[in-house]
């Protein structure tokens, strides 16, 4: 039988796990260039979005509108190859 502390710890752990982002698998060239893509759809205060990450910089794209959520860092710094990849319909299946 589980104790109350174990139950509450497991409940907190399962809540945390359900709020984690999904990772989009990138090509080896993009991975070698240190790019990561996270899909965050369970945040309560922000619209669902995809975050493009390289080092300490992050670009967020609203999944509903397709627009960039932030002006900084400059969206023109993103490689066309990465933007084309995340816009592919097959990536989202």
PDB file of N, CA and C in Angstrom:
ATOM      1  N   UNK A   1       0.848  -1.185   0.000  1.00  0.00           N
ATOM      2  CA  UNK A   1       0.000   0.000   0.000  1.00  0.00           C
ATOM      3  C   UNK A   1       0.890   1.244   0.000  1.00  0.00           C
ATOM      4  N   UNK A   2       0.492   2.273  -0.766  1.00  0.00           N
ATOM      5  CA  UNK A   2       1.270   3.496  -0.856  1.00  0.00           C
ATOM      6  C   UNK A   2       0.893   4.451   0.258  1.00  0.00           C
ATOM      7  N   UNK A   3       1.892   5.104   0.819  1.00  0.00           N
ATOM      8  CA  UNK A   3       1.631   6.103   1.851  1.00  0.00           C
ATOM      9  C   UNK A   3       1.152   7.396   1.209  1.00  0.00           C
ATOM     10  N   UNK A   4       0.600   8.318   2.021  1.00  0.00           N
ATOM     11  CA  UNK A   4       0.122   9.597   1.506  1.00  0.00           C
ATOM     12  C   UNK A   4       1.248  10.391   0.870  1.00  0.00           C
ATOM     13  N   UNK A   5       2.424  10.375   1.496  1.00  0.00           N
ATOM     14  CA  UNK A   5       3.542  11.140   0.940  1.00  0.00           C
ATOM     15  C   UNK A   5       3.953  10.579  -0.416  1.00  0.00           C
ATOM     16  N   UNK A   6       3.903   9.252  -0.576  1.00  0.00           N
ATOM     17  CA  UNK A   6       4.232   8.650  -1.857  1.00  0.00           C
ATOM     18  C   UNK A   6       3.186   9.016  -2.895  1.00  0.00           C
ATOM     19  N   UNK A   7       1.910   8.997  -2.500  1.00  0.00           N
ATOM     20  CA  UNK A   7       0.849   9.356  -3.431  1.00  0.00           C
ATOM     21  C   UNK A   7       0.982  10.799  -3.891  1.00  0.00           C
ATOM     22  N   UNK A   8       1.242  11.703  -2.957  1.00  0.00           N
ATOM     23  CA  UNK A   8       1.350  13.102  -3.347  1.00  0.00           C
ATOM     24  C   UNK A   8       2.600  13.329  -4.198  1.00  0.00           C
ATOM     25  N   UNK A   9       3.666  12.616  -3.872  1.00  0.00           N
ATOM     26  CA  UNK A   9       4.881  12.752  -4.676  1.00  0.00           C
ATOM     27  C   UNK A   9       4.635  12.207  -6.083  1.00  0.00           C
ATOM     28  N   UNK A  10       3.959  11.057  -6.183  1.00  0.00           N
ATOM     29  CA  UNK A  10       3.660  10.491  -7.496  1.00  0.00           C
ATOM     30  C   UNK A  10       2.703  11.384  -8.275  1.00  0.00           C
ATOM     31  N   UNK A  11       1.730  11.997  -7.599  1.00  0.00           N
ATOM     32  CA  UNK A  11       0.796  12.905  -8.259  1.00  0.00           C
ATOM     33  C   UNK A  11       1.514  14.113  -8.813  1.00  0.00           C
ATOM     34  N   UNK A  12       2.426  14.684  -8.028  1.00  0.00           N
ATOM     35  CA  UNK A  12       3.193  15.841  -8.489  1.00  0.00           C
ATOM     36  C   UNK A  12       4.071  15.443  -9.665  1.00  0.00           C
ATOM     37  N   UNK A  13       4.644  14.256  -9.581  1.00  0.00           N
ATOM     38  CA  UNK A  13       5.514  13.791 -10.652  1.00  0.00           C
ATOM     39  C   UNK A  13       4.709  13.586 -11.937  1.00  0.00           C
ATOM     40  N   UNK A  14       3.518  12.997 -11.850  1.00  0.00           N
ATOM     41  CA  UNK A  14       2.729  12.766 -13.056  1.00  0.00           C
ATOM     42  C   UNK A  14       2.216  14.076 -13.638  1.00  0.00           C
ATOM     43  N   UNK A  15       1.898  15.071 -12.807  1.00  0.00           N
ATOM     44  CA  UNK A  15       1.486  16.380 -13.314  1.00  0.00           C
ATOM     45  C   UNK A  15       2.633  17.036 -14.063  1.00  0.00           C
ATOM     46  N   UNK A  16       3.838  16.951 -13.499  1.00  0.00           N
ATOM     47  CA  UNK A  16       5.015  17.526 -14.145  1.00  0.00           C
ATOM     48  C   UNK A  16       5.267  16.849 -15.485  1.00  0.00           C
ATOM     49  N   UNK A  17       5.132  15.537 -15.533  1.00  0.00           N
ATOM     50  CA  UNK A  17       5.377  14.794 -16.760  1.00  0.00           C
ATOM     51  C   UNK A  17       4.372  15.179 -17.832  1.00  0.00           C
ATOM     52  N   UNK A  18       3.125  15.457 -17.448  1.00  0.00           N
ATOM     53  CA  UNK A  18       2.120  15.802 -18.449  1.00  0.00           C
ATOM     54  C   UNK A  18       2.310  17.216 -18.980  1.00  0.00           C
ATOM     55  N   UNK A  19       3.087  18.059 -18.305  1.00  0.00           N
ATOM     56  CA  UNK A  19       3.306  19.422 -18.751  1.00  0.00           C
ATOM     57  C   UNK A  19       4.598  19.576 -19.558  1.00  0.00           C
ATOM     58  N   UNK A  20       5.314  18.501 -19.740  1.00  0.00           N
ATOM     59  CA  UNK A  20       6.584  18.584 -20.461  1.00  0.00           C
ATOM     60  C   UNK A  20       6.332  18.750 -21.955  1.00  0.00           C
ATOM     61  N   UNK A  21       7.287  19.351 -22.626  1.00  0.00           N
ATOM     62  CA  UNK A  21       7.182  19.600 -24.066  1.00  0.00           C
ATOM     63  C   UNK A  21       7.498  18.344 -24.859  1.00  0.00           C
ATOM     64  N   UNK A  22       6.935  18.291 -26.060  1.00  0.00           N
ATOM     65  CA  UNK A  22       7.293  17.251 -27.010  1.00  0.00           C
ATOM     66  C   UNK A  22       8.505  17.743 -27.800  1.00  0.00           C
ATOM     67  N   UNK A  23       9.355  16.825 -28.213  1.00  0.00           N
ATOM     68  CA  UNK A  23      10.522  17.186 -29.011  1.00  0.00           C
ATOM     69  C   UNK A  23      10.287  16.744 -30.444  1.00  0.00           C
ATOM     70  N   UNK A  24      10.530  17.635 -31.380  1.00  0.00           N
ATOM     71  CA  UNK A  24      10.408  17.334 -32.800  1.00  0.00           C
ATOM     72  C   UNK A  24      11.753  16.818 -33.286  1.00  0.00           C
ATOM     73  N   UNK A  25      11.758  15.673 -33.950  1.00  0.00           N
ATOM     74  CA  UNK A  25      13.009  15.084 -34.428  1.00  0.00           C
ATOM     75  C   UNK A  25      13.497  15.833 -35.656  1.00  0.00           C
ATOM     76  N   UNK A  26      14.724  16.297 -35.604  1.00  0.00           N
ATOM     77  CA  UNK A  26      15.315  17.078 -36.683  1.00  0.00           C
ATOM     78  C   UNK A  26      16.296  16.250 -37.487  1.00  0.00           C
ATOM     79  N   UNK A  27      16.668  16.766 -38.648  1.00  0.00           N
ATOM     80  CA  UNK A  27      17.687  16.109 -39.465  1.00  0.00           C
ATOM     81  C   UNK A  27      19.025  16.162 -38.730  1.00  0.00           C
ATOM     82  N   UNK A  28      19.932  15.310 -39.120  1.00  0.00           N
ATOM     83  CA  UNK A  28      21.240  15.286 -38.448  1.00  0.00           C
ATOM     84  C   UNK A  28      21.995  16.599 -38.655  1.00  0.00           C
ATOM     85  N   UNK A  29      21.821  17.228 -39.814  1.00  0.00           N
ATOM     86  CA  UNK A  29      22.510  18.503 -40.072  1.00  0.00           C
ATOM     87  C   UNK A  29      22.036  19.584 -39.104  1.00  0.00           C
ATOM     88  N   UNK A  30      20.730  19.640 -38.860  1.00  0.00           N
ATOM     89  CA  UNK A  30      20.206  20.643 -37.921  1.00  0.00           C
ATOM     90  C   UNK A  30      20.615  20.308 -36.486  1.00  0.00           C
ATOM     91  N   UNK A  31      20.606  19.025 -36.142  1.00  0.00           N
ATOM     92  CA  UNK A  31      21.044  18.633 -34.793  1.00  0.00           C
ATOM     93  C   UNK A  31      22.509  18.971 -34.576  1.00  0.00           C
ATOM     94  N   UNK A  32      23.343  18.736 -35.578  1.00  0.00           N
ATOM     95  CA  UNK A  32      24.769  19.048 -35.461  1.00  0.00           C
ATOM     96  C   UNK A  32      24.998  20.553 -35.333  1.00  0.00           C
ATOM     97  N   UNK A  33      24.084  21.349 -35.884  1.00  0.00           N
ATOM     98  CA  UNK A  33      24.176  22.806 -35.775  1.00  0.00           C
ATOM     99  C   UNK A  33      23.569  23.299 -34.456  1.00  0.00           C
ATOM    100  N   UNK A  34      23.258  22.369 -33.554  1.00  0.00           N
ATOM    101  CA  UNK A  34      22.766  22.645 -32.194  1.00  0.00           C
ATOM    102  C   UNK A  34      21.328  23.160 -32.137  1.00  0.00           C
ATOM    103  N   UNK A  35      20.499  22.846 -33.124  1.00  0.00           N
ATOM    104  CA  UNK A  35      19.105  23.257 -33.103  1.00  0.00           C
ATOM    105  C   UNK A  35      18.266  22.218 -32.387  1.00  0.00           C
ATOM    106  N   UNK A  36      17.256  22.681 -31.645  1.00  0.00           N
ATOM    107  CA  UNK A  36      16.257  21.829 -30.992  1.00  0.00           C
ATOM    108  C   UNK A  36      14.899  22.454 -31.246  1.00  0.00           C
ATOM    109  N   UNK A  37      13.870  21.620 -31.304  1.00  0.00           N
ATOM    110  CA  UNK A  37      12.508  22.114 -31.468  1.00  0.00           C
ATOM    111  C   UNK A  37      11.641  21.449 -30.411  1.00  0.00           C
ATOM    112  N   UNK A  38      10.962  22.257 -29.613  1.00  0.00           N
ATOM    113  CA  UNK A  38      10.069  21.759 -28.566  1.00  0.00           C
ATOM    114  C   UNK A  38       8.658  22.235 -28.867  1.00  0.00           C
ATOM    115  N   UNK A  39       7.685  21.372 -28.653  1.00  0.00           N
ATOM    116  CA  UNK A  39       6.290  21.725 -28.853  1.00  0.00           C
ATOM    117  C   UNK A  39       5.647  21.802 -27.472  1.00  0.00           C
ATOM    118  N   UNK A  40       5.160  22.981 -27.155  1.00  0.00           N
ATOM    119  CA  UNK A  40       4.559  23.203 -25.845  1.00  0.00           C
ATOM    120  C   UNK A  40       3.087  23.534 -26.036  1.00  0.00           C
ATOM    121  N   UNK A  41       2.226  22.571 -25.674  1.00  0.00           N
ATOM    122  CA  UNK A  41       0.802  22.772 -25.903  1.00  0.00           C
ATOM    123  C   UNK A  41      -0.039  22.707 -24.638  1.00  0.00           C
ATOM    124  N   UNK A  42       0.592  22.513 -23.504  1.00  0.00           N
ATOM    125  CA  UNK A  42      -0.172  22.372 -22.276  1.00  0.00           C
ATOM    126  C   UNK A  42       0.029  23.539 -21.308  1.00  0.00           C
ATOM    127  N   UNK A  43       0.612  24.614 -21.771  1.00  0.00           N
ATOM    128  CA  UNK A  43       0.801  25.770 -20.902  1.00  0.00           C
ATOM    129  C   UNK A  43      -0.532  26.491 -20.766  1.00  0.00           C
ATOM    130  N   UNK A  44      -0.845  26.932 -19.574  1.00  0.00           N
ATOM    131  CA  UNK A  44      -2.162  27.515 -19.327  1.00  0.00           C
ATOM    132  C   UNK A  44      -2.226  28.999 -19.636  1.00  0.00           C
ATOM    133  N   UNK A  45      -1.125  29.704 -19.592  1.00  0.00           N
ATOM    134  CA  UNK A  45      -1.156  31.157 -19.771  1.00  0.00           C
ATOM    135  C   UNK A  45      -0.701  31.617 -21.153  1.00  0.00           C
ATOM    136  N   UNK A  46      -0.339  30.689 -22.002  1.00  0.00           N
ATOM    137  CA  UNK A  46       0.137  31.028 -23.334  1.00  0.00           C
ATOM    138  C   UNK A  46      -0.533  30.130 -24.350  1.00  0.00           C
ATOM    139  N   UNK A  47      -0.668  30.610 -25.586  1.00  0.00           N
ATOM    140  CA  UNK A  47      -1.227  29.734 -26.625  1.00  0.00           C
ATOM    141  C   UNK A  47      -0.252  28.602 -26.934  1.00  0.00           C
ATOM    142  N   UNK A  48      -0.743  27.497 -27.495  1.00  0.00           N
ATOM    143  CA  UNK A  48       0.164  26.420 -27.871  1.00  0.00           C
ATOM    144  C   UNK A  48       1.184  26.942 -28.877  1.00  0.00           C
ATOM    145  N   UNK A  49       2.428  26.533 -28.690  1.00  0.00           N
ATOM    146  CA  UNK A  49       3.477  27.050 -29.560  1.00  0.00           C
ATOM    147  C   UNK A  49       4.621  26.064 -29.716  1.00  0.00           C
ATOM    148  N   UNK A  50       5.406  26.306 -30.756  1.00  0.00           N
ATOM    149  CA  UNK A  50       6.621  25.542 -30.990  1.00  0.00           C
ATOM    150  C   UNK A  50       7.783  26.481 -30.682  1.00  0.00           C
ATOM    151  N   UNK A  51       8.779  25.965 -29.998  1.00  0.00           N
ATOM    152  CA  UNK A  51       9.948  26.764 -29.638  1.00  0.00           C
ATOM    153  C   UNK A  51      11.166  26.214 -30.370  1.00  0.00           C
ATOM    154  N   UNK A  52      11.813  27.085 -31.128  1.00  0.00           N
ATOM    155  CA  UNK A  52      13.043  26.740 -31.840  1.00  0.00           C
ATOM    156  C   UNK A  52      14.192  27.237 -30.981  1.00  0.00           C
ATOM    157  N   UNK A  53      15.087  26.332 -30.603  1.00  0.00           N
ATOM    158  CA  UNK A  53      16.128  26.652 -29.624  1.00  0.00           C
ATOM    159  C   UNK A  53      17.506  26.394 -30.223  1.00  0.00           C
ATOM    160  N   UNK A  54      18.389  27.355 -29.997  1.00  0.00           N
ATOM    161  CA  UNK A  54      19.809  27.157 -30.323  1.00  0.00           C
ATOM    162  C   UNK A  54      20.614  27.867 -29.260  1.00  0.00           C
ATOM    163  N   UNK A  55      21.342  27.086 -28.479  1.00  0.00           N
ATOM    164  CA  UNK A  55      22.104  27.661 -27.369  1.00  0.00           C
ATOM    165  C   UNK A  55      21.153  28.282 -26.359  1.00  0.00           C
ATOM    166  N   UNK A  56      21.345  29.555 -26.079  1.00  0.00           N
ATOM    167  CA  UNK A  56      20.488  30.239 -25.101  1.00  0.00           C
ATOM    168  C   UNK A  56      19.389  31.051 -25.768  1.00  0.00           C
ATOM    169  N   UNK A  57      19.325  31.041 -27.090  1.00  0.00           N
ATOM    170  CA  UNK A  57      18.298  31.799 -27.804  1.00  0.00           C
ATOM    171  C   UNK A  57      17.112  30.912 -28.141  1.00  0.00           C
ATOM    172  N   UNK A  58      15.912  31.498 -28.100  1.00  0.00           N
ATOM    173  CA  UNK A  58      14.696  30.746 -28.394  1.00  0.00           C
ATOM    174  C   UNK A  58      13.727  31.617 -29.172  1.00  0.00           C
ATOM    175  N   UNK A  59      13.150  31.028 -30.211  1.00  0.00           N
ATOM    176  CA  UNK A  59      12.130  31.673 -31.023  1.00  0.00           C
ATOM    177  C   UNK A  59      10.848  30.892 -30.825  1.00  0.00           C
ATOM    178  N   UNK A  60       9.747  31.585 -30.550  1.00  0.00           N
ATOM    179  CA  UNK A  60       8.470  30.906 -30.334  1.00  0.00           C
ATOM    180  C   UNK A  60       7.504  31.244 -31.469  1.00  0.00           C
ATOM    181  N   UNK A  61       6.860  30.194 -32.007  1.00  0.00           N
ATOM    182  CA  UNK A  61       5.883  30.357 -33.075  1.00  0.00           C
ATOM    183  C   UNK A  61       4.543  29.840 -32.577  1.00  0.00           C
ATOM    184  N   UNK A  62       3.531  30.697 -32.640  1.00  0.00           N
ATOM    185  CA  UNK A  62       2.172  30.342 -32.221  1.00  0.00           C
ATOM    186  C   UNK A  62       1.628  29.280 -33.177  1.00  0.00           C
ATOM    187  N   UNK A  63       1.165  28.155 -32.644  1.00  0.00           N
ATOM    188  CA  UNK A  63       0.660  27.076 -33.486  1.00  0.00           C
ATOM    189  C   UNK A  63      -0.694  27.409 -34.102  1.00  0.00           C
ATOM    190  N   UNK A  64      -1.426  28.324 -33.518  1.00  0.00           N
ATOM    191  CA  UNK A  64      -2.739  28.689 -34.064  1.00  0.00           C
ATOM    192  C   UNK A  64      -2.626  29.672 -35.222  1.00  0.00           C
ATOM    193  N   UNK A  65      -1.741  30.659 -35.106  1.00  0.00           N
ATOM    194  CA  UNK A  65      -1.644  31.715 -36.117  1.00  0.00           C
ATOM    195  C   UNK A  65      -0.450  31.537 -37.047  1.00  0.00           C
ATOM    196  N   UNK A  66       0.573  30.818 -36.605  1.00  0.00           N
ATOM    197  CA  UNK A  66       1.789  30.657 -37.390  1.00  0.00           C
ATOM    198  C   UNK A  66       2.736  31.834 -37.280  1.00  0.00           C
ATOM    199  N   UNK A  67       2.390  32.831 -36.467  1.00  0.00           N
ATOM    200  CA  UNK A  67       3.231  34.008 -36.313  1.00  0.00           C
ATOM    201  C   UNK A  67       4.224  33.863 -35.174  1.00  0.00           C
ATOM    202  N   UNK A  68       5.282  34.656 -35.245  1.00  0.00           N
ATOM    203  CA  UNK A  68       6.269  34.657 -34.170  1.00  0.00           C
ATOM    204  C   UNK A  68       5.687  35.372 -32.957  1.00  0.00           C
ATOM    205  N   UNK A  69       5.924  34.830 -31.785  1.00  0.00           N
ATOM    206  CA  UNK A  69       5.363  35.389 -30.556  1.00  0.00           C
ATOM    207  C   UNK A  69       6.242  36.483 -29.964  1.00  0.00           C
ATOM    208  N   UNK A  70       7.498  36.557 -30.370  1.00  0.00           N
ATOM    209  CA  UNK A  70       8.440  37.527 -29.814  1.00  0.00           C
ATOM    210  C   UNK A  70       9.187  38.216 -30.951  1.00  0.00           C
ATOM    211  N   UNK A  71       9.552  39.467 -30.727  1.00  0.00           N
ATOM    212  CA  UNK A  71      10.345  40.204 -31.720  1.00  0.00           C
ATOM    213  C   UNK A  71      11.836  39.936 -31.551  1.00  0.00           C
ATOM    214  N   UNK A  72      12.233  39.547 -30.362  1.00  0.00           N
ATOM    215  CA  UNK A  72      13.643  39.307 -30.068  1.00  0.00           C
ATOM    216  C   UNK A  72      13.809  37.894 -29.540  1.00  0.00           C
ATOM    217  N   UNK A  73      14.685  37.097 -30.069  1.00  0.00           N
ATOM    218  CA  UNK A  73      15.650  37.352 -31.134  1.00  0.00           C
ATOM    219  C   UNK A  73      14.957  37.486 -32.498  1.00  0.00           C
ATOM    220  N   UNK A  74      15.649  38.128 -33.388  1.00  0.00           N
ATOM    221  CA  UNK A  74      15.122  38.427 -34.712  1.00  0.00           C
ATOM    222  C   UNK A  74      14.794  37.142 -35.475  1.00  0.00           C
ATOM    223  N   UNK A  75      13.537  36.983 -35.929  1.00  0.00           N
ATOM    224  CA  UNK A  75      13.165  35.774 -36.674  1.00  0.00           C
ATOM    225  C   UNK A  75      13.958  35.563 -37.959  1.00  0.00           C
ATOM    226  N   UNK A  76      14.549  36.620 -38.515  1.00  0.00           N
ATOM    227  CA  UNK A  76      15.325  36.456 -39.743  1.00  0.00           C
ATOM    228  C   UNK A  76      16.628  35.688 -39.510  1.00  0.00           C
ATOM    229  N   UNK A  77      16.987  35.456 -38.256  1.00  0.00           N
ATOM    230  CA  UNK A  77      18.196  34.689 -37.937  1.00  0.00           C
ATOM    231  C   UNK A  77      17.989  33.181 -38.077  1.00  0.00           C
ATOM    232  N   UNK A  78      16.731  32.750 -38.218  1.00  0.00           N
ATOM    233  CA  UNK A  78      16.440  31.324 -38.347  1.00  0.00           C
ATOM    234  C   UNK A  78      16.784  30.833 -39.748  1.00  0.00           C
ATOM    235  N   UNK A  79      17.404  29.668 -39.843  1.00  0.00           N
ATOM    236  CA  UNK A  79      17.720  29.128 -41.163  1.00  0.00           C
ATOM    237  C   UNK A  79      16.447  28.712 -41.914  1.00  0.00           C
ATOM    238  N   UNK A  80      16.411  28.988 -43.198  1.00  0.00           N
ATOM    239  CA  UNK A  80      15.257  28.623 -44.034  1.00  0.00           C
ATOM    240  C   UNK A  80      14.988  27.123 -43.984  1.00  0.00           C
ATOM    241  N   UNK A  81      16.055  26.331 -43.916  1.00  0.00           N
ATOM    242  CA  UNK A  81      15.914  24.872 -43.866  1.00  0.00           C
ATOM    243  C   UNK A  81      15.098  24.454 -42.643  1.00  0.00           C
ATOM    244  N   UNK A  82      15.326  25.084 -41.515  1.00  0.00           N
ATOM    245  CA  UNK A  82      14.602  24.761 -40.290  1.00  0.00           C
ATOM    246  C   UNK A  82      13.138  25.169 -40.400  1.00  0.00           C
ATOM    247  N   UNK A  83      12.881  26.370 -40.885  1.00  0.00           N
ATOM    248  CA  UNK A  83      11.500  26.831 -41.040  1.00  0.00           C
ATOM    249  C   UNK A  83      10.730  25.961 -42.028  1.00  0.00           C
ATOM    250  N   UNK A  84      11.370  25.589 -43.132  1.00  0.00           N
ATOM    251  CA  UNK A  84      10.720  24.728 -44.118  1.00  0.00           C
ATOM    252  C   UNK A  84      10.396  23.368 -43.501  1.00  0.00           C
ATOM    253  N   UNK A  85      11.299  22.845 -42.686  1.00  0.00           N
ATOM    254  CA  UNK A  85      11.093  21.535 -42.056  1.00  0.00           C
ATOM    255  C   UNK A  85       9.891  21.553 -41.115  1.00  0.00           C
ATOM    256  N   UNK A  86       9.789  22.570 -40.269  1.00  0.00           N
ATOM    257  CA  UNK A  86       8.688  22.557 -39.294  1.00  0.00           C
ATOM    258  C   UNK A  86       7.339  22.858 -39.943  1.00  0.00           C
ATOM    259  N   UNK A  87       7.357  23.389 -41.177  1.00  0.00           N
ATOM    260  CA  UNK A  87       6.098  23.662 -41.882  1.00  0.00           C
ATOM    261  C   UNK A  87       5.580  22.447 -42.668  1.00  0.00           C
ATOM    262  N   UNK A  88       6.392  21.396 -42.764  1.00  0.00           N
ATOM    263  CA  UNK A  88       5.958  20.193 -43.477  1.00  0.00           C
ATOM    264  C   UNK A  88       4.793  19.525 -42.749  1.00  0.00           C
ATOM    265  N   UNK A  89       3.770  19.173 -43.483  1.00  0.00           N
ATOM    266  CA  UNK A  89       2.604  18.517 -42.884  1.00  0.00           C
ATOM    267  C   UNK A  89       2.964  17.179 -42.271  1.00  0.00           C
ATOM    268  N   UNK A  90       3.876  16.446 -42.896  1.00  0.00           N
ATOM    269  CA  UNK A  90       4.235  15.112 -42.397  1.00  0.00           C
ATOM    270  C   UNK A  90       4.935  15.166 -41.050  1.00  0.00           C
ATOM    271  N   UNK A  91       5.530  16.295 -40.698  1.00  0.00           N
ATOM    272  CA  UNK A  91       6.211  16.432 -39.411  1.00  0.00           C
ATOM    273  C   UNK A  91       5.205  16.388 -38.271  1.00  0.00           C
ATOM    274  N   UNK A  92       3.986  16.847 -38.522  1.00  0.00           N
ATOM    275  CA  UNK A  92       2.994  17.005 -37.464  1.00  0.00           C
ATOM    276  C   UNK A  92       2.056  15.821 -37.318  1.00  0.00           C
ATOM    277  N   UNK A  93       2.320  14.723 -37.990  1.00  0.00           N
ATOM    278  CA  UNK A  93       1.452  13.530 -37.875  1.00  0.00           C
ATOM    279  C   UNK A  93       1.911  12.622 -36.785  1.00  0.00           C
TER     280      UNK A  93
END
